Amino acid sequence: MKGYIIGASLENCVHVAGVVNFLRLAEFEGYKTKFLGPAVSIESLIEVIKFEKPDVAAVSYRLSPQAALSVLNRLKERIEEEGIKVKWYFGGTKPVADIARDIGIFDRIFDGSEDLDDVIMFLREARSPGSIEIYPDNLIDRIWYKYPYPVLRHHFGMPSYEETLKGIEEIAESRVLDVISIAPDQNTQEFFFEPHKMKSDLDGAGGVPLRSKEDFIKLYESSRKGNYPLLRCYSGTNNLIKFAELLKETINNAWGAVPLCWYSVLDGRSKRSLKEAIEENQEAMKWHGENGIPLEVNEAHHWSLRDAHDTIGVTTAFLAAYNAKKAGVKHYIAQLMFNVPPSISYKMDLAKMLAKIELIESLEDDDFKVFRQVRAGLSSFPYNLDSAKGQLASSTFISMALKPHIVHVVGYCEAQYAAGSREVIESVNIVRNVIKNCLSGMPDFTRDEEIQRRKEELIEEAKYLLEAIKYISNAEDPWSDAETLAKAIKLGLLDAPHLKGNKEACGKLETRVINGACYAFDSEKKRVITERERVDRILSSIERIKLSYSKQRRAIK
C-alpha cells in the first residue's frame, strides 16, 4: 500500500465528483482510501484525521472564493491548533484554488486544468513537474509509466523548416503530447542520401524538408522542454537502414516504422521491385531488432486504404507481425487504423481489429511483446472542420475499447490542410478529454455477439488465406519468404481494387461494403464471395495453367 488518503468536500459544499474521482484513481494506483462524504464540517474532519491517522487529507470546495476564504482560514487555524501532521491536497475551481494557494497549508492544489494523466503521474509520486527525469526517454518505459492512460502521438511537419522548429517547441511546451512524429517531405524520404536526385519543386511536399544531419539534431534539441516528448520519424523509402541509423543518432528515434511490401513499385513511393522491396524491408526490420528499437510494420492499413476486403487486412496484419518477430524485433507496435474504408461500421471495424489483435498477439512470447496503437483513418475525416472534430472524437471513443498503449492522434484539419502546432495541440486536447471519459468507465463493446461472430469469421478466413500462401510456395518458411509474398500478390491472393494496372500485382479483386463490413464481391453474379471460394478460384486457375503447360510439354516431346 502506497498510503492512506481520506477525502471530503468541506462545510456547505456538496460537490463531490472531483474528490471521489481522485480517490478512485488513488485506489487504482495502490492507495487505501476513505470518502467521508459531502459537506463535512471542519470539526468532523479534524476528529476523523486524529482517529484514523491518514497520510493525506484531500479536500475540495467549489463555491464562491469569498466563502472559501473563510472556510479555508478556519481549516488552517484548526490544523495549527491540533498540530495535525498530514499532507493536505486541495481541489476546486480556478478562483477558489487561487485562494487556497494564498492560505499556504496545501501540499498540492488541483484547479481543474490538470488532465487525467497529470493526476495519475502525481499519484505515482513522480518528481516535480518540469524535471527531465520525470519523463522516460524511451517508448516502452513511457508506456508503462502512463498506462492505462495511453501514450499520445501526432505527426508534424510543415513545408517550412523554421516553422517546424518553432512548432515543435510550442507542442513540447504545451505538455499534451508524448511523441512527435516528424513528417519529412518525399524528397527527404526518398533521396536524403542522393540529394542530386531531388526535385526542387517538390521541396516541402508532404512534410518538412530535411537536408542534413544537423537539421534532424536541431529538431530534437527544440523538443527538450515542456514534457520532453519523444521524437520519431517516418522511415526512408530508399536506403532504409542508413536512414534508420540517421534517426537513431539524431533524434533518438522512439520506434521505427517500415512496411513489408510497400515503398515499392506497388505504391510508387520508390522504384524498388516488389521482391527487392520486401527483402530490404526485412533487412530494416532485422536492423531494428539488433539495435533494440521498437518497430511498427505499417502494412495492413495500406491494403485497406486501397479497398482490400477485411480478410486481407487481417491477414497482412499477421504477416507484418510475423516478419517482425522472425527478424528479431522484441517490442512490436501493432498499428490498428480504424475507418478504412471510411464506410465500414464501428461494429465491423472493431471485429476486424479484434481479429488482428488475436492473430498478432498469438505470436507473443518472452522475446516478442506486442503494444496496441490505434488511430482514426485519414480518409474518414470530413472537409467541414466542426464535423471533423466530431469524427476524431468518435473514432477515438470506439478505439478505446481495445485498451490501447498508444493513440495516434490525427489532426482534425487534415482533410483541408496540414496541421500546424495550434491544430496539433487542439486535436490532442479533444482526444485527451475522450480518453479521460473512457477511463472513467465505458461499456465493453468487444463482448457484442455480432462483433464476436464477425471476428471469428475473419480469423477463420485469414487462416485459410495464410494456408493458401503456403500452398503456392516451395520455401521452408513461406510467410517470410520474399519470393512467395511477391508471388501471392502477383497471383491475387493478396490483392486490392486500387492495384488494377500495377505490373507487379493482380488488381482483379472487387470489394463492397455490405452491412458495415468489407467483403470480396462478384460483380457479375452480384454477390459476396467467401474467402474459401475466392482462394479456391485462384488456386484452381493455377492448377489449370500447370496442367495446360504439362500437356504442351508432352506434345512438344
Foldseek 3Di string as FASTA:
>chain_A
DLWEEEEEEEAPFQDCPVVVVLQVLLVVVPYHYHYPHYRDYLVNVVVCCVVVVTQEYEYEYEDDLVVLLVRVLVNVVVCVVVVRDHAYEYEYAPSNQVSVVVSPRHPYYHHPPDFPQVSNLVSVVADDFWDLVSADQADVVNLVSRPLPAAEEEEAFALELVLRLVLLLVLQQVLLHQEYEAWEFLCCQEALVPNVPDDVVRRRPGGYHDNDLVSLQSSQVSNCTRSSHQYAYAAHLPPRQVRVVSCCVRRVHNAYEAAQQDSDLLVPSYPHHRLRSNVVSLVNLLSCLVVQGEYEHPYLVVQLLLVDFLLLSLLRLLLSLVSSVVSRHQEYEREQEACRPVLFDLLQSLLSVVLSCVSNCVPDDNRHHYFYEYEYDPVNQDQPLVVLLVVQLVRLLSVCLVSGNYYHFYQSNVVPHGDRSVSVVVSSVSSSVSSSVVVVDDDNSCPDPVSNVSNVLSNVLSVVLVVLLVVVDPDPDSSSNSVSVLVCQQLVSNEGCNSPPRPSGPNPWDWDQDPNGIATADPVVGDGDRSVRVSVVSVVVVVVVVVVVVVVVVVVD
